[in-house]
Amino acid sequence: MEDKRIAEALELLNAAAKDKKTELEQMISHKFGDFKSLVEGVADKVKHQTSDTYHHSKEKIEDAISDVDKSVHKNPWPYIGGAAAVALLFGYLLGRSRK
């Protein structure tokens, strides 16, 4: 008789566990779906902002390069002198004794 009551109690617990398992799986699936859509939305926004920043930076760099190129072509001697001074300083630093 006691074995029968234990078996019935185990069956009841097993049924309750299955119900809770299904409920938990549905809850996790629903929450994961919400999280997934949130992450995808943020990822798209970050991708768009990164792309905009890249193109904006690229334009600024191209403008700066164009300005320097025009300036060098207009008056090259200061740039030649600056490059020579940097090369001289670099050569001095590399060629000095370390004693």
N, C-alpha and C. Protein backbone atom coordinates (compact mmCIF):
# COMPACT_ATOMS: atom_id res chain seq x y z
N MET A 1 0.81 -1.18 0.00
CA MET A 1 0.00 0.00 0.00
C MET A 1 0.87 1.27 0.00
N GLU A 2 1.91 1.23 0.83
CA GLU A 2 2.80 2.38 0.90
C GLU A 2 3.55 2.56 -0.41
N ASP A 3 3.93 1.47 -1.08
CA ASP A 3 4.60 1.56 -2.37
C ASP A 3 3.71 2.22 -3.41
N LYS A 4 2.40 1.90 -3.32
CA LYS A 4 1.44 2.48 -4.26
C LYS A 4 1.34 3.99 -4.05
N ARG A 5 1.33 4.45 -2.81
CA ARG A 5 1.24 5.88 -2.51
C ARG A 5 2.53 6.61 -2.95
N ILE A 6 3.65 5.95 -2.76
CA ILE A 6 4.92 6.55 -3.19
C ILE A 6 4.94 6.67 -4.70
N ALA A 7 4.48 5.62 -5.40
CA ALA A 7 4.45 5.65 -6.86
C ALA A 7 3.51 6.75 -7.36
N GLU A 8 2.35 6.91 -6.71
CA GLU A 8 1.40 7.95 -7.09
C GLU A 8 2.00 9.34 -6.85
N ALA A 9 2.68 9.50 -5.74
CA ALA A 9 3.32 10.79 -5.42
C ALA A 9 4.41 11.11 -6.44
N LEU A 10 5.18 10.09 -6.82
CA LEU A 10 6.23 10.30 -7.81
C LEU A 10 5.63 10.66 -9.17
N GLU A 11 4.53 10.02 -9.54
CA GLU A 11 3.88 10.33 -10.80
C GLU A 11 3.36 11.77 -10.78
N LEU A 12 2.76 12.16 -9.65
CA LEU A 12 2.25 13.52 -9.51
C LEU A 12 3.38 14.55 -9.61
N LEU A 13 4.48 14.27 -8.94
CA LEU A 13 5.66 15.17 -9.01
C LEU A 13 6.23 15.21 -10.42
N ASN A 14 6.27 14.07 -11.09
CA ASN A 14 6.80 13.99 -12.45
C ASN A 14 5.93 14.82 -13.40
N ALA A 15 4.59 14.70 -13.26
CA ALA A 15 3.67 15.47 -14.11
C ALA A 15 3.85 16.96 -13.86
N ALA A 16 3.96 17.36 -12.61
CA ALA A 16 4.15 18.77 -12.27
C ALA A 16 5.47 19.28 -12.83
N ALA A 17 6.51 18.46 -12.76
CA ALA A 17 7.82 18.86 -13.28
C ALA A 17 7.76 19.04 -14.79
N LYS A 18 7.03 18.15 -15.49
CA LYS A 18 6.91 18.29 -16.95
C LYS A 18 6.17 19.57 -17.31
N ASP A 19 5.09 19.89 -16.55
CA ASP A 19 4.34 21.12 -16.80
C ASP A 19 5.24 22.35 -16.59
N LYS A 20 5.98 22.33 -15.51
CA LYS A 20 6.87 23.46 -15.22
C LYS A 20 7.99 23.55 -16.26
N LYS A 21 8.47 22.39 -16.72
CA LYS A 21 9.52 22.38 -17.72
C LYS A 21 9.02 23.03 -19.01
N THR A 22 7.83 22.68 -19.43
CA THR A 22 7.24 23.26 -20.64
C THR A 22 7.03 24.76 -20.46
N GLU A 23 6.51 25.14 -19.31
CA GLU A 23 6.29 26.55 -19.02
C GLU A 23 7.61 27.32 -19.03
N LEU A 24 8.63 26.75 -18.43
CA LEU A 24 9.95 27.38 -18.38
C LEU A 24 10.55 27.50 -19.78
N GLU A 25 10.41 26.45 -20.59
CA GLU A 25 10.94 26.49 -21.95
C GLU A 25 10.25 27.58 -22.77
N GLN A 26 8.94 27.72 -22.62
CA GLN A 26 8.21 28.76 -23.34
C GLN A 26 8.63 30.15 -22.89
N MET A 27 8.82 30.31 -21.59
CA MET A 27 9.23 31.60 -21.06
C MET A 27 10.63 31.98 -21.57
N ILE A 28 11.53 31.01 -21.54
CA ILE A 28 12.90 31.28 -22.02
C ILE A 28 12.89 31.59 -23.50
N SER A 29 12.11 30.83 -24.26
CA SER A 29 12.01 31.05 -25.71
C SER A 29 11.48 32.45 -25.99
N HIS A 30 10.46 32.87 -25.27
CA HIS A 30 9.88 34.20 -25.47
C HIS A 30 10.88 35.29 -25.10
N LYS A 31 11.52 35.14 -23.94
CA LYS A 31 12.49 36.14 -23.49
C LYS A 31 13.70 36.19 -24.42
N PHE A 32 14.15 35.01 -24.89
CA PHE A 32 15.29 34.97 -25.79
C PHE A 32 14.95 35.65 -27.11
N GLY A 33 13.73 35.46 -27.58
CA GLY A 33 13.30 36.12 -28.81
C GLY A 33 13.33 37.63 -28.65
N ASP A 34 12.85 38.13 -27.50
CA ASP A 34 12.88 39.57 -27.24
C ASP A 34 14.32 40.07 -27.19
N PHE A 35 15.17 39.32 -26.51
CA PHE A 35 16.58 39.70 -26.39
C PHE A 35 17.26 39.69 -27.76
N LYS A 36 16.96 38.66 -28.55
CA LYS A 36 17.56 38.55 -29.88
C LYS A 36 17.17 39.73 -30.75
N SER A 37 15.89 40.11 -30.74
CA SER A 37 15.46 41.25 -31.55
C SER A 37 16.09 42.55 -31.05
N LEU A 38 16.25 42.68 -29.75
CA LEU A 38 16.90 43.87 -29.18
C LEU A 38 18.36 43.95 -29.63
N VAL A 39 19.06 42.84 -29.55
CA VAL A 39 20.48 42.81 -29.96
C VAL A 39 20.61 43.09 -31.45
N GLU A 40 19.72 42.52 -32.26
CA GLU A 40 19.78 42.76 -33.70
C GLU A 40 19.53 44.23 -34.01
N GLY A 41 18.60 44.86 -33.29
CA GLY A 41 18.34 46.28 -33.50
C GLY A 41 19.54 47.14 -33.13
N VAL A 42 20.16 46.83 -32.02
CA VAL A 42 21.35 47.58 -31.59
C VAL A 42 22.50 47.34 -32.57
N ALA A 43 22.65 46.10 -33.03
CA ALA A 43 23.74 45.79 -33.97
C ALA A 43 23.55 46.56 -35.28
N ASP A 44 22.33 46.64 -35.77
CA ASP A 44 22.08 47.40 -36.99
C ASP A 44 22.39 48.88 -36.79
N LYS A 45 22.00 49.41 -35.64
CA LYS A 45 22.25 50.83 -35.35
C LYS A 45 23.76 51.10 -35.26
N VAL A 46 24.49 50.23 -34.57
CA VAL A 46 25.94 50.39 -34.44
C VAL A 46 26.61 50.26 -35.81
N LYS A 47 26.15 49.32 -36.61
CA LYS A 47 26.72 49.12 -37.95
C LYS A 47 26.51 50.38 -38.79
N HIS A 48 25.32 50.95 -38.71
CA HIS A 48 25.02 52.16 -39.48
C HIS A 48 25.88 53.33 -39.00
N GLN A 49 25.99 53.51 -37.69
CA GLN A 49 26.79 54.60 -37.15
C GLN A 49 28.26 54.43 -37.49
N THR A 50 28.75 53.20 -37.43
CA THR A 50 30.14 52.93 -37.77
C THR A 50 30.41 53.25 -39.23
N SER A 51 29.49 52.85 -40.08
CA SER A 51 29.63 53.13 -41.51
C SER A 51 29.63 54.63 -41.76
N ASP A 52 28.72 55.37 -41.11
CA ASP A 52 28.68 56.83 -41.27
C ASP A 52 29.98 57.47 -40.79
N THR A 53 30.47 57.02 -39.64
CA THR A 53 31.71 57.57 -39.09
C THR A 53 32.88 57.29 -40.02
N TYR A 54 32.93 56.06 -40.56
CA TYR A 54 34.02 55.70 -41.48
C TYR A 54 34.01 56.61 -42.71
N HIS A 55 32.83 56.78 -43.31
CA HIS A 55 32.76 57.61 -44.52
C HIS A 55 33.06 59.08 -44.22
N HIS A 56 32.59 59.57 -43.08
CA HIS A 56 32.88 60.95 -42.69
C HIS A 56 34.39 61.13 -42.46
N SER A 57 35.00 60.20 -41.76
CA SER A 57 36.44 60.28 -41.50
C SER A 57 37.24 60.18 -42.79
N LYS A 58 36.81 59.30 -43.67
CA LYS A 58 37.50 59.14 -44.96
C LYS A 58 37.46 60.44 -45.75
N GLU A 59 36.30 61.11 -45.76
CA GLU A 59 36.19 62.39 -46.47
C GLU A 59 37.10 63.44 -45.85
N LYS A 60 37.15 63.50 -44.51
CA LYS A 60 38.01 64.48 -43.84
C LYS A 60 39.49 64.22 -44.16
N ILE A 61 39.89 62.95 -44.15
CA ILE A 61 41.28 62.61 -44.44
C ILE A 61 41.62 62.96 -45.88
N GLU A 62 40.71 62.65 -46.80
CA GLU A 62 40.95 62.99 -48.20
C GLU A 62 41.06 64.50 -48.40
N ASP A 63 40.22 65.27 -47.67
CA ASP A 63 40.30 66.73 -47.75
C ASP A 63 41.64 67.23 -47.20
N ALA A 64 42.07 66.66 -46.08
CA ALA A 64 43.36 67.07 -45.49
C ALA A 64 44.52 66.73 -46.42
N ILE A 65 44.49 65.56 -47.02
CA ILE A 65 45.55 65.17 -47.96
C ILE A 65 45.56 66.11 -49.16
N SER A 66 44.38 66.45 -49.65
CA SER A 66 44.29 67.38 -50.79
C SER A 66 44.85 68.75 -50.42
N ASP A 67 44.52 69.23 -49.22
CA ASP A 67 45.03 70.54 -48.76
C ASP A 67 46.55 70.52 -48.64
N VAL A 68 47.11 69.46 -48.07
CA VAL A 68 48.56 69.36 -47.92
C VAL A 68 49.22 69.28 -49.30
N ASP A 69 48.62 68.50 -50.20
CA ASP A 69 49.17 68.37 -51.55
C ASP A 69 49.20 69.72 -52.26
N LYS A 70 48.12 70.48 -52.14
CA LYS A 70 48.08 71.81 -52.77
C LYS A 70 49.12 72.74 -52.15
N SER A 71 49.24 72.66 -50.81
CA SER A 71 50.20 73.52 -50.11
C SER A 71 51.63 73.17 -50.51
N VAL A 72 51.94 71.89 -50.63
CA VAL A 72 53.30 71.46 -51.01
C VAL A 72 53.60 71.89 -52.44
N HIS A 73 52.63 71.75 -53.31
CA HIS A 73 52.86 72.16 -54.70
C HIS A 73 53.00 73.69 -54.84
N LYS A 74 52.30 74.41 -53.98
CA LYS A 74 52.36 75.86 -54.04
C LYS A 74 53.70 76.38 -53.51
N ASN A 75 54.20 75.80 -52.40
CA ASN A 75 55.44 76.26 -51.77
C ASN A 75 56.17 75.05 -51.17
N PRO A 76 57.01 74.36 -51.96
CA PRO A 76 57.62 73.10 -51.50
C PRO A 76 58.81 73.27 -50.56
N TRP A 77 59.49 74.41 -50.57
CA TRP A 77 60.74 74.54 -49.82
C TRP A 77 60.60 74.36 -48.31
N PRO A 78 59.60 74.87 -47.66
CA PRO A 78 59.49 74.61 -46.21
C PRO A 78 59.34 73.11 -45.90
N TYR A 79 58.65 72.40 -46.77
CA TYR A 79 58.47 70.96 -46.53
C TYR A 79 59.77 70.20 -46.77
N ILE A 80 60.53 70.61 -47.76
CA ILE A 80 61.83 69.98 -48.02
C ILE A 80 62.77 70.25 -46.85
N GLY A 81 62.78 71.50 -46.35
CA GLY A 81 63.62 71.85 -45.19
C GLY A 81 63.19 71.08 -43.95
N GLY A 82 61.88 70.97 -43.73
CA GLY A 82 61.38 70.22 -42.57
C GLY A 82 61.75 68.75 -42.63
N ALA A 83 61.65 68.16 -43.82
CA ALA A 83 62.02 66.75 -43.98
C ALA A 83 63.51 66.57 -43.75
N ALA A 84 64.32 67.50 -44.22
CA ALA A 84 65.76 67.42 -44.01
C ALA A 84 66.10 67.54 -42.52
N ALA A 85 65.43 68.44 -41.82
CA ALA A 85 65.69 68.62 -40.39
C ALA A 85 65.30 67.37 -39.60
N VAL A 86 64.17 66.78 -39.93
CA VAL A 86 63.75 65.56 -39.25
C VAL A 86 64.73 64.43 -39.54
N ALA A 87 65.17 64.31 -40.80
CA ALA A 87 66.14 63.26 -41.15
C ALA A 87 67.46 63.47 -40.41
N LEU A 88 67.91 64.72 -40.31
CA LEU A 88 69.15 65.02 -39.58
C LEU A 88 69.02 64.67 -38.11
N LEU A 89 67.91 65.04 -37.48
CA LEU A 89 67.69 64.72 -36.07
C LEU A 89 67.61 63.20 -35.87
N PHE A 90 66.90 62.52 -36.73
CA PHE A 90 66.76 61.07 -36.64
C PHE A 90 68.13 60.39 -36.82
N GLY A 91 68.91 60.86 -37.77
CA GLY A 91 70.26 60.32 -37.97
C GLY A 91 71.16 60.57 -36.78
N TYR A 92 71.05 61.73 -36.17
CA TYR A 92 71.85 62.06 -35.00
C TYR A 92 71.50 61.13 -33.84
N LEU A 93 70.19 60.93 -33.61
CA LEU A 93 69.76 60.06 -32.50
C LEU A 93 70.20 58.62 -32.71
N LEU A 94 70.12 58.13 -33.93
CA LEU A 94 70.53 56.75 -34.20
C LEU A 94 72.03 56.56 -34.23
N GLY A 95 72.77 57.64 -34.60
CA GLY A 95 74.21 57.49 -34.76
C GLY A 95 75.03 57.81 -33.52
N ARG A 96 74.43 58.36 -32.49
CA ARG A 96 75.23 58.71 -31.32
C ARG A 96 75.61 57.49 -30.51
N SER A 97 76.67 57.62 -29.81
CA SER A 97 77.22 56.52 -29.00
C SER A 97 76.35 56.32 -27.75
N ARG A 98 76.25 55.10 -27.31
CA ARG A 98 75.43 54.81 -26.11
C ARG A 98 76.30 54.59 -24.87
N LYS A 99 77.48 55.08 -24.88
CA LYS A 99 78.38 54.91 -23.74
C LYS A 99 78.08 55.86 -22.64
